[in-house]
Amino acid sequence: MSEIRSDRPARTAPGQPVASDTAGVLARPPLLYLCSILVGSALELVRPLPFAPPALETALGGPLVFAALVLFAFSVREFRAAGTPLPTNRPTRTIVRSGPYRFSRNPIYLAFSLLHLGIAIWTNGAWLLATLAVTLLVMSYGVIAREERYLARRFGEEYLAYKASVRRWL
């Protein structure tokens, strides 16, 4: 089975008001990564802080950016094929278990992180690595943890079984 579908509302404890049918994340992930890349780039312009030998820039940076774009495209394709919305501010209809979701519960976020890392290496910017580290903390606690609680409420044991069988990142 490649996906688990549910049209039922989010589960709540007896007597509790119905919970919002979204994860309630702190920030939309694409905007979070974009802001992080922009802040890191601005810091690099003000005070460049190289961290790696120049030969590494295109040898590793470019391929990481390419891999991120490919992973993103495959991940989005699976979401669309399953009929569930991508934006975190819309209700999830399906737990997607096919394609990259067989190996990572968050391949889109992994793609964004690889893109950020690839740009940091390609531009040899340590500030971009620093902003990526902060972004990963915000993603882990302010986005992914909230999404996991929401999906557990919404899909119950079905999601918990998926969560137990597939790693968060890789």
N, C-alpha and C. Protein backbone atom coordinates (compact mmCIF):
# COMPACT_ATOMS: atom_id res chain seq x y z
N MET A 1 0.85 -1.18 0.00
CA MET A 1 0.00 0.00 0.00
C MET A 1 0.89 1.24 0.00
N SER A 2 0.66 2.15 -0.92
CA SER A 2 1.54 3.29 -1.04
C SER A 2 1.08 4.51 -0.26
N GLU A 3 -0.15 4.57 0.14
CA GLU A 3 -0.62 5.73 0.88
C GLU A 3 -1.80 5.36 1.75
N ILE A 4 -2.03 6.18 2.75
CA ILE A 4 -3.15 5.99 3.66
C ILE A 4 -4.04 7.20 3.52
N ARG A 5 -5.30 6.99 3.24
CA ARG A 5 -6.22 8.11 3.03
C ARG A 5 -7.19 8.22 4.21
N SER A 6 -7.57 9.46 4.49
CA SER A 6 -8.58 9.69 5.53
C SER A 6 -9.29 10.99 5.25
N ASP A 7 -10.61 10.96 5.29
CA ASP A 7 -11.39 12.17 5.16
C ASP A 7 -12.02 12.57 6.49
N ARG A 8 -11.64 11.87 7.54
CA ARG A 8 -12.22 12.17 8.85
C ARG A 8 -11.55 13.41 9.45
N PRO A 9 -12.28 14.11 10.34
CA PRO A 9 -11.69 15.29 10.96
C PRO A 9 -10.61 14.92 11.96
N ALA A 10 -9.83 15.90 12.35
CA ALA A 10 -8.79 15.68 13.34
C ALA A 10 -9.42 15.16 14.63
N ARG A 11 -8.73 14.23 15.28
CA ARG A 11 -9.24 13.66 16.53
C ARG A 11 -8.96 14.60 17.68
N THR A 12 -9.88 14.66 18.62
CA THR A 12 -9.66 15.44 19.83
C THR A 12 -10.10 14.60 21.01
N ALA A 13 -9.66 14.99 22.19
CA ALA A 13 -10.08 14.30 23.40
C ALA A 13 -11.56 14.56 23.64
N PRO A 14 -12.27 13.62 24.26
CA PRO A 14 -13.69 13.83 24.55
C PRO A 14 -13.91 15.13 25.32
N GLY A 15 -14.89 15.90 24.89
CA GLY A 15 -15.23 17.15 25.56
C GLY A 15 -14.39 18.33 25.14
N GLN A 16 -13.37 18.10 24.32
CA GLN A 16 -12.50 19.17 23.86
C GLN A 16 -13.05 19.75 22.56
N PRO A 17 -12.82 21.05 22.34
CA PRO A 17 -13.25 21.61 21.07
C PRO A 17 -12.48 20.96 19.92
N VAL A 18 -13.06 20.95 18.73
CA VAL A 18 -12.42 20.37 17.57
C VAL A 18 -11.15 21.15 17.26
N ALA A 19 -10.07 20.43 17.11
CA ALA A 19 -8.78 21.06 16.82
C ALA A 19 -8.76 21.56 15.38
N SER A 20 -7.98 22.56 15.14
CA SER A 20 -7.80 23.06 13.78
C SER A 20 -7.28 21.92 12.92
N ASP A 21 -7.74 21.86 11.69
CA ASP A 21 -7.32 20.77 10.83
C ASP A 21 -6.08 21.13 10.02
N THR A 22 -5.13 21.78 10.67
CA THR A 22 -3.81 22.01 10.10
C THR A 22 -2.79 21.80 11.22
N ALA A 23 -1.54 21.73 10.82
CA ALA A 23 -0.48 21.47 11.80
C ALA A 23 -0.15 22.67 12.68
N GLY A 24 -0.51 23.87 12.25
CA GLY A 24 -0.20 25.06 13.04
C GLY A 24 1.29 25.31 13.17
N VAL A 25 2.03 25.18 12.08
CA VAL A 25 3.48 25.36 12.12
C VAL A 25 3.84 26.82 12.37
N LEU A 26 5.04 27.06 12.88
CA LEU A 26 5.49 28.42 13.18
C LEU A 26 5.66 29.27 11.94
N ALA A 27 6.12 28.65 10.85
CA ALA A 27 6.36 29.39 9.61
C ALA A 27 6.24 28.43 8.44
N ARG A 28 5.84 28.94 7.29
CA ARG A 28 5.78 28.11 6.08
C ARG A 28 7.21 27.74 5.70
N PRO A 29 7.51 26.47 5.54
CA PRO A 29 8.88 26.03 5.27
C PRO A 29 9.56 26.70 4.07
N PRO A 30 8.91 26.87 2.91
CA PRO A 30 9.64 27.53 1.81
C PRO A 30 10.07 28.94 2.18
N LEU A 31 9.22 29.66 2.90
CA LEU A 31 9.57 31.02 3.30
C LEU A 31 10.67 31.02 4.35
N LEU A 32 10.63 30.05 5.24
CA LEU A 32 11.66 29.93 6.26
C LEU A 32 13.03 29.70 5.62
N TYR A 33 13.10 28.76 4.68
CA TYR A 33 14.37 28.50 4.01
C TYR A 33 14.80 29.69 3.17
N LEU A 34 13.87 30.32 2.46
CA LEU A 34 14.21 31.48 1.64
C LEU A 34 14.79 32.60 2.51
N CYS A 35 14.12 32.91 3.61
CA CYS A 35 14.63 33.95 4.51
C CYS A 35 16.00 33.59 5.06
N SER A 36 16.19 32.33 5.39
CA SER A 36 17.47 31.88 5.91
C SER A 36 18.57 32.04 4.88
N ILE A 37 18.29 31.70 3.63
CA ILE A 37 19.28 31.85 2.56
C ILE A 37 19.57 33.33 2.32
N LEU A 38 18.54 34.15 2.35
CA LEU A 38 18.74 35.59 2.15
C LEU A 38 19.56 36.22 3.27
N VAL A 39 19.27 35.85 4.51
CA VAL A 39 20.03 36.39 5.65
C VAL A 39 21.48 35.92 5.57
N GLY A 40 21.69 34.63 5.30
CA GLY A 40 23.06 34.12 5.18
C GLY A 40 23.82 34.79 4.05
N SER A 41 23.13 35.02 2.92
CA SER A 41 23.76 35.70 1.78
C SER A 41 24.11 37.14 2.13
N ALA A 42 23.21 37.82 2.82
CA ALA A 42 23.48 39.21 3.22
C ALA A 42 24.67 39.28 4.16
N LEU A 43 24.74 38.36 5.10
CA LEU A 43 25.89 38.33 6.01
C LEU A 43 27.18 38.06 5.25
N GLU A 44 27.11 37.20 4.23
CA GLU A 44 28.29 36.91 3.40
C GLU A 44 28.74 38.16 2.64
N LEU A 45 27.78 38.98 2.20
CA LEU A 45 28.14 40.21 1.50
C LEU A 45 28.81 41.21 2.43
N VAL A 46 28.33 41.29 3.67
CA VAL A 46 28.87 42.23 4.65
C VAL A 46 30.23 41.76 5.17
N ARG A 47 30.30 40.49 5.51
CA ARG A 47 31.53 39.93 6.08
C ARG A 47 31.73 38.52 5.55
N PRO A 48 32.38 38.38 4.39
CA PRO A 48 32.59 37.05 3.81
C PRO A 48 33.33 36.14 4.79
N LEU A 49 32.88 34.90 4.84
CA LEU A 49 33.47 33.94 5.77
C LEU A 49 33.59 32.59 5.06
N PRO A 50 34.63 32.43 4.23
CA PRO A 50 34.80 31.15 3.52
C PRO A 50 35.14 30.03 4.50
N PHE A 51 34.82 28.80 4.12
CA PHE A 51 35.06 27.68 5.03
C PHE A 51 35.69 26.47 4.34
N ALA A 52 35.75 26.46 3.01
CA ALA A 52 36.21 25.26 2.32
C ALA A 52 37.16 25.63 1.18
N PRO A 53 37.96 24.67 0.73
CA PRO A 53 38.82 24.93 -0.42
C PRO A 53 37.97 25.22 -1.66
N PRO A 54 38.41 26.14 -2.52
CA PRO A 54 37.63 26.51 -3.70
C PRO A 54 37.26 25.34 -4.60
N ALA A 55 38.07 24.30 -4.66
CA ALA A 55 37.77 23.16 -5.53
C ALA A 55 36.47 22.46 -5.12
N LEU A 56 36.11 22.59 -3.87
CA LEU A 56 34.89 21.96 -3.37
C LEU A 56 33.63 22.67 -3.83
N GLU A 57 33.76 23.95 -4.16
CA GLU A 57 32.59 24.77 -4.49
C GLU A 57 31.74 24.15 -5.60
N THR A 58 32.31 23.94 -6.76
CA THR A 58 31.51 23.39 -7.86
C THR A 58 31.48 21.88 -7.84
N ALA A 59 32.52 21.25 -7.28
CA ALA A 59 32.55 19.79 -7.24
C ALA A 59 31.46 19.22 -6.37
N LEU A 60 31.10 19.91 -5.31
CA LEU A 60 30.08 19.40 -4.39
C LEU A 60 28.84 20.29 -4.35
N GLY A 61 29.03 21.60 -4.42
CA GLY A 61 27.90 22.52 -4.33
C GLY A 61 26.89 22.35 -5.45
N GLY A 62 27.36 22.33 -6.68
CA GLY A 62 26.47 22.18 -7.83
C GLY A 62 25.69 20.87 -7.80
N PRO A 63 26.35 19.72 -7.60
CA PRO A 63 25.61 18.46 -7.53
C PRO A 63 24.59 18.42 -6.39
N LEU A 64 24.90 19.03 -5.25
CA LEU A 64 23.92 19.07 -4.15
C LEU A 64 22.69 19.88 -4.54
N VAL A 65 22.90 21.00 -5.20
CA VAL A 65 21.77 21.83 -5.65
C VAL A 65 20.93 21.02 -6.64
N PHE A 66 21.58 20.34 -7.57
CA PHE A 66 20.86 19.53 -8.55
C PHE A 66 20.08 18.41 -7.86
N ALA A 67 20.72 17.70 -6.94
CA ALA A 67 20.06 16.61 -6.22
C ALA A 67 18.85 17.14 -5.45
N ALA A 68 18.98 18.32 -4.86
CA ALA A 68 17.87 18.92 -4.11
C ALA A 68 16.68 19.19 -5.04
N LEU A 69 16.96 19.72 -6.22
CA LEU A 69 15.89 20.03 -7.17
C LEU A 69 15.18 18.76 -7.65
N VAL A 70 15.96 17.71 -7.90
CA VAL A 70 15.38 16.43 -8.33
C VAL A 70 14.52 15.84 -7.21
N LEU A 71 15.05 15.81 -6.00
CA LEU A 71 14.30 15.27 -4.86
C LEU A 71 13.01 16.06 -4.65
N PHE A 72 13.08 17.37 -4.74
CA PHE A 72 11.90 18.21 -4.59
C PHE A 72 10.86 17.86 -5.65
N ALA A 73 11.27 17.75 -6.90
CA ALA A 73 10.34 17.45 -7.99
C ALA A 73 9.66 16.10 -7.77
N PHE A 74 10.42 15.07 -7.40
CA PHE A 74 9.83 13.76 -7.16
C PHE A 74 8.87 13.78 -5.97
N SER A 75 9.24 14.50 -4.94
CA SER A 75 8.40 14.57 -3.74
C SER A 75 7.08 15.28 -4.03
N VAL A 76 7.14 16.38 -4.74
CA VAL A 76 5.93 17.12 -5.10
C VAL A 76 5.04 16.26 -5.99
N ARG A 77 5.65 15.56 -6.93
CA ARG A 77 4.88 14.67 -7.81
C ARG A 77 4.09 13.63 -7.00
N GLU A 78 4.70 13.06 -5.99
CA GLU A 78 4.02 12.06 -5.17
C GLU A 78 2.85 12.68 -4.39
N PHE A 79 3.05 13.87 -3.85
CA PHE A 79 1.97 14.56 -3.14
C PHE A 79 0.80 14.82 -4.08
N ARG A 80 1.10 15.34 -5.26
CA ARG A 80 0.04 15.65 -6.22
C ARG A 80 -0.68 14.39 -6.67
N ALA A 81 0.06 13.31 -6.93
CA ALA A 81 -0.54 12.05 -7.35
C ALA A 81 -1.47 11.49 -6.27
N ALA A 82 -1.12 11.74 -5.01
CA ALA A 82 -1.94 11.26 -3.90
C ALA A 82 -3.14 12.17 -3.63
N GLY A 83 -3.15 13.36 -4.24
CA GLY A 83 -4.28 14.27 -4.05
C GLY A 83 -4.30 14.99 -2.72
N THR A 84 -3.15 15.19 -2.15
CA THR A 84 -3.08 15.91 -0.88
C THR A 84 -2.34 17.24 -1.10
N PRO A 85 -2.76 18.30 -0.43
CA PRO A 85 -2.13 19.61 -0.67
C PRO A 85 -0.73 19.70 -0.07
N LEU A 86 0.11 20.48 -0.72
CA LEU A 86 1.47 20.72 -0.23
C LEU A 86 1.53 21.74 0.90
N PRO A 87 0.83 22.86 0.81
CA PRO A 87 0.99 23.89 1.85
C PRO A 87 0.64 23.38 3.24
N THR A 88 1.44 23.80 4.21
CA THR A 88 1.22 23.37 5.60
C THR A 88 -0.01 24.01 6.23
N ASN A 89 -0.58 25.01 5.58
CA ASN A 89 -1.76 25.66 6.14
C ASN A 89 -3.06 25.09 5.58
N ARG A 90 -2.98 23.94 4.91
CA ARG A 90 -4.16 23.26 4.40
C ARG A 90 -4.22 21.86 4.99
N PRO A 91 -5.41 21.30 5.18
CA PRO A 91 -5.53 19.97 5.80
C PRO A 91 -4.89 18.87 4.96
N THR A 92 -4.21 17.97 5.62
CA THR A 92 -3.63 16.81 4.97
C THR A 92 -4.71 15.77 4.74
N ARG A 93 -4.77 15.21 3.57
CA ARG A 93 -5.78 14.20 3.25
C ARG A 93 -5.21 12.80 3.25
N THR A 94 -3.90 12.69 3.06
CA THR A 94 -3.29 11.39 2.84
C THR A 94 -1.89 11.35 3.44
N ILE A 95 -1.53 10.20 3.94
CA ILE A 95 -0.13 9.96 4.30
C ILE A 95 0.49 9.31 3.08
N VAL A 96 1.40 10.01 2.46
CA VAL A 96 2.05 9.51 1.25
C VAL A 96 3.21 8.60 1.66
N ARG A 97 3.21 7.39 1.11
CA ARG A 97 4.25 6.41 1.45
C ARG A 97 5.03 5.95 0.24
N SER A 98 4.80 6.56 -0.90
CA SER A 98 5.46 6.12 -2.13
C SER A 98 6.59 7.08 -2.50
N GLY A 99 7.37 6.67 -3.49
CA GLY A 99 8.48 7.51 -3.95
C GLY A 99 9.45 7.78 -2.81
N PRO A 100 9.92 9.02 -2.69
CA PRO A 100 10.90 9.34 -1.65
C PRO A 100 10.34 9.19 -0.23
N TYR A 101 9.02 9.17 -0.10
CA TYR A 101 8.39 9.03 1.22
C TYR A 101 8.55 7.63 1.78
N ARG A 102 9.10 6.70 1.00
CA ARG A 102 9.42 5.37 1.52
C ARG A 102 10.66 5.43 2.40
N PHE A 103 11.51 6.45 2.18
CA PHE A 103 12.80 6.55 2.87
C PHE A 103 12.87 7.71 3.86
N SER A 104 12.06 8.72 3.65
CA SER A 104 12.07 9.91 4.51
C SER A 104 10.65 10.41 4.67
N ARG A 105 10.28 10.76 5.91
CA ARG A 105 8.95 11.33 6.12
C ARG A 105 8.89 12.78 5.65
N ASN A 106 10.04 13.38 5.40
CA ASN A 106 10.10 14.80 5.04
C ASN A 106 11.04 15.05 3.87
N PRO A 107 10.83 14.39 2.73
CA PRO A 107 11.78 14.60 1.63
C PRO A 107 11.77 16.01 1.06
N ILE A 108 10.65 16.73 1.14
CA ILE A 108 10.64 18.10 0.65
C ILE A 108 11.52 18.97 1.54
N TYR A 109 11.42 18.80 2.85
CA TYR A 109 12.27 19.56 3.77
C TYR A 109 13.73 19.15 3.60
N LEU A 110 13.96 17.87 3.34
CA LEU A 110 15.31 17.41 3.07
C LEU A 110 15.85 18.08 1.79
N ALA A 111 15.00 18.20 0.78
CA ALA A 111 15.40 18.88 -0.46
C ALA A 111 15.74 20.35 -0.20
N PHE A 112 14.90 21.03 0.60
CA PHE A 112 15.20 22.43 0.93
C PHE A 112 16.53 22.54 1.68
N SER A 113 16.78 21.60 2.58
CA SER A 113 18.03 21.63 3.35
C SER A 113 19.24 21.35 2.46
N LEU A 114 19.10 20.39 1.54
CA LEU A 114 20.19 20.11 0.60
C LEU A 114 20.44 21.30 -0.32
N LEU A 115 19.37 21.97 -0.72
CA LEU A 115 19.52 23.16 -1.56
C LEU A 115 20.31 24.24 -0.81
N HIS A 116 19.91 24.46 0.43
CA HIS A 116 20.59 25.46 1.27
C HIS A 116 22.07 25.08 1.45
N LEU A 117 22.32 23.82 1.76
CA LEU A 117 23.69 23.34 1.94
C LEU A 117 24.48 23.47 0.63
N GLY A 118 23.86 23.09 -0.48
CA GLY A 118 24.53 23.20 -1.78
C GLY A 118 24.90 24.63 -2.11
N ILE A 119 23.99 25.56 -1.83
CA ILE A 119 24.28 26.98 -2.07
C ILE A 119 25.43 27.44 -1.16
N ALA A 120 25.41 27.00 0.10
CA ALA A 120 26.49 27.37 1.03
C ALA A 120 27.84 26.89 0.53
N ILE A 121 27.89 25.66 0.04
CA ILE A 121 29.16 25.12 -0.46
C ILE A 121 29.54 25.80 -1.77
N TRP A 122 28.56 25.97 -2.65
CA TRP A 122 28.82 26.57 -3.97
C TRP A 122 29.37 27.99 -3.84
N THR A 123 28.86 28.72 -2.85
CA THR A 123 29.31 30.11 -2.64
C THR A 123 30.41 30.19 -1.58
N ASN A 124 30.75 29.04 -0.98
CA ASN A 124 31.76 28.97 0.06
C ASN A 124 31.46 29.96 1.19
N GLY A 125 30.21 29.91 1.65
CA GLY A 125 29.77 30.84 2.67
C GLY A 125 29.42 30.19 3.99
N ALA A 126 30.26 30.39 4.98
CA ALA A 126 30.01 29.83 6.30
C ALA A 126 28.77 30.43 6.96
N TRP A 127 28.46 31.68 6.62
CA TRP A 127 27.24 32.28 7.19
C TRP A 127 26.01 31.50 6.73
N LEU A 128 26.04 31.01 5.51
CA LEU A 128 24.92 30.20 5.02
C LEU A 128 24.81 28.88 5.79
N LEU A 129 25.95 28.33 6.18
CA LEU A 129 25.91 27.12 7.02
C LEU A 129 25.31 27.43 8.39
N ALA A 130 25.68 28.59 8.93
CA ALA A 130 25.15 28.99 10.24
C ALA A 130 23.64 29.20 10.17
N THR A 131 23.17 29.87 9.12
CA THR A 131 21.72 30.09 9.03
C THR A 131 20.99 28.78 8.75
N LEU A 132 21.64 27.84 8.05
CA LEU A 132 21.04 26.52 7.85
C LEU A 132 20.88 25.80 9.19
N ALA A 133 21.87 25.89 10.05
CA ALA A 133 21.79 25.24 11.37
C ALA A 133 20.60 25.78 12.16
N VAL A 134 20.44 27.09 12.15
CA VAL A 134 19.29 27.70 12.86
C VAL A 134 17.98 27.25 12.22
N THR A 135 17.94 27.22 10.90
CA THR A 135 16.73 26.80 10.20
C THR A 135 16.38 25.35 10.53
N LEU A 136 17.36 24.49 10.62
CA LEU A 136 17.10 23.09 10.96
C LEU A 136 16.51 22.95 12.36
N LEU A 137 16.95 23.79 13.28
CA LEU A 137 16.36 23.78 14.63
C LEU A 137 14.90 24.22 14.58
N VAL A 138 14.63 25.30 13.87
CA VAL A 138 13.26 25.79 13.75
C VAL A 138 12.40 24.75 13.04
N MET A 139 12.93 24.13 12.00
CA MET A 139 12.18 23.10 11.28
C MET A 139 11.86 21.92 12.19
N SER A 140 12.85 21.47 12.95
CA SER A 140 12.65 20.30 13.81
C SER A 140 11.59 20.55 14.89
N TYR A 141 11.66 21.71 15.55
CA TYR A 141 10.77 21.95 16.68
C TYR A 141 9.54 22.77 16.34
N GLY A 142 9.66 23.69 15.40
CA GLY A 142 8.54 24.58 15.09
C GLY A 142 7.68 24.14 13.93
N VAL A 143 8.19 23.19 13.14
CA VAL A 143 7.43 22.73 11.97
C VAL A 143 7.18 21.22 12.08
N ILE A 144 8.24 20.43 12.01
CA ILE A 144 8.08 18.98 11.93
C ILE A 144 7.42 18.40 13.17
N ALA A 145 7.84 18.81 14.35
CA ALA A 145 7.23 18.28 15.58
C ALA A 145 5.73 18.59 15.61
N ARG A 146 5.35 19.79 15.18
CA ARG A 146 3.93 20.16 15.14
C ARG A 146 3.19 19.34 14.10
N GLU A 147 3.82 19.13 12.95
CA GLU A 147 3.18 18.32 11.92
C GLU A 147 3.00 16.88 12.40
N GLU A 148 3.98 16.36 13.10
CA GLU A 148 3.88 14.99 13.60
C GLU A 148 2.74 14.84 14.61
N ARG A 149 2.57 15.82 15.49
CA ARG A 149 1.45 15.78 16.44
C ARG A 149 0.11 15.85 15.70
N TYR A 150 0.05 16.73 14.71
CA TYR A 150 -1.17 16.88 13.91
C TYR A 150 -1.50 15.58 13.18
N LEU A 151 -0.52 14.97 12.53
CA LEU A 151 -0.77 13.74 11.78
C LEU A 151 -1.16 12.60 12.71
N ALA A 152 -0.58 12.55 13.91
CA ALA A 152 -0.97 11.52 14.88
C ALA A 152 -2.42 11.73 15.31
N ARG A 153 -2.83 12.99 15.50
CA ARG A 153 -4.24 13.27 15.84
C ARG A 153 -5.15 12.89 14.68
N ARG A 154 -4.75 13.25 13.51
CA ARG A 154 -5.61 13.07 12.32
C ARG A 154 -5.72 11.61 11.88
N PHE A 155 -4.60 10.89 11.88
CA PHE A 155 -4.59 9.53 11.33
C PHE A 155 -4.38 8.44 12.37
N GLY A 156 -4.07 8.80 13.59
CA GLY A 156 -3.92 7.83 14.67
C GLY A 156 -2.87 6.76 14.39
N GLU A 157 -3.26 5.51 14.62
CA GLU A 157 -2.33 4.37 14.48
C GLU A 157 -1.76 4.25 13.08
N GLU A 158 -2.52 4.65 12.08
CA GLU A 158 -2.01 4.57 10.71
C GLU A 158 -0.74 5.42 10.56
N TYR A 159 -0.76 6.63 11.09
CA TYR A 159 0.41 7.49 11.00
C TYR A 159 1.52 6.99 11.92
N LEU A 160 1.16 6.55 13.11
CA LEU A 160 2.18 6.08 14.05
C LEU A 160 2.94 4.89 13.49
N ALA A 161 2.26 4.00 12.75
CA ALA A 161 2.94 2.87 12.11
C ALA A 161 3.89 3.37 11.03
N TYR A 162 3.46 4.36 10.25
CA TYR A 162 4.34 4.94 9.22
C TYR A 162 5.53 5.61 9.88
N LYS A 163 5.28 6.36 10.93
CA LYS A 163 6.35 7.06 11.64
C LYS A 163 7.37 6.07 12.20
N ALA A 164 6.91 4.94 12.67
CA ALA A 164 7.81 3.93 13.23
C ALA A 164 8.63 3.22 12.15
N SER A 165 8.14 3.22 10.90
CA SER A 165 8.82 2.48 9.86
C SER A 165 9.68 3.35 8.93
N VAL A 166 9.52 4.67 8.97
CA VAL A 166 10.26 5.57 8.07
C VAL A 166 10.91 6.67 8.91
N ARG A 167 12.17 6.93 8.66
CA ARG A 167 12.91 7.93 9.43
C ARG A 167 12.44 9.34 9.09
N ARG A 168 12.67 10.27 10.01
CA ARG A 168 12.27 11.67 9.84
C ARG A 168 12.98 12.32 8.68
N TRP A 169 14.29 12.19 8.60
CA TRP A 169 15.07 12.83 7.54
C TRP A 169 15.58 11.80 6.55
N LEU A 170 16.43 10.92 6.98
CA LEU A 170 17.01 9.87 6.11
C LEU A 170 17.06 8.54 6.82
